[in-house]
């Protein structure tokens, strides 16, 4: 009985995960062609698709390769290249499903103690989150002090476009973005089923422990 329940729970969880999987590509910006040289960066303007999975939507961005520390891997994005810019990616979603977007944010340390840097995150063109960095975020290229940020959105169709934009007024010294990920939020019914399942497993284990001495006798 317990085995059948667990098999059903696993199947329901897997089906839910498969149906709600959000396939964001290259969230840490490691892939693309041509690659910027190690210890440097390359600047990409509107319409550029050199960074795998991503399109430069407006302005320009710098694709960083070990010029400063990345949060994950060796690459990151400065969302202000020669001017404030934006990047976006369209990915598969399930209408009505809630998703969590997680990303890590710092700031270009080369501009000194600038007054303000910021980032705006949008879903299908509508602003969802805005993060502001007051003063300098990263004191040095080897001390970027990334902060984790996240927000949630409800998908309205079978595809969704995520866009990150710089609202920095300081020209080339923009917000630094790395390790973007998206995951579906489990539905309450799935959580409830999992909790019940854990309870059944715990009760079964306690029962087996309780009857083992009698069986040995």
Foldseek 3Di string as FASTA:
>chain_A
DLVVLVVVLVVVVVVVQVQFPKDQPCQFQPDFPPDDDALAWDKDAAQDCRRPQKGWHHAIKIWFANVFPGPPHGIWIFCFAQFWTKMKGKIFGDAQWKKKKKKKKFWQQPVAFDAKKKKFKDKPPHTDDIDIDGTHGAPDRHGRNIDMDMDMDGDHDGMMMIMMTIPDPPGRIHMMIGRIDMGTDDDPVSVVSVVVSVVVVVVVVVVCVVCVVVVVD
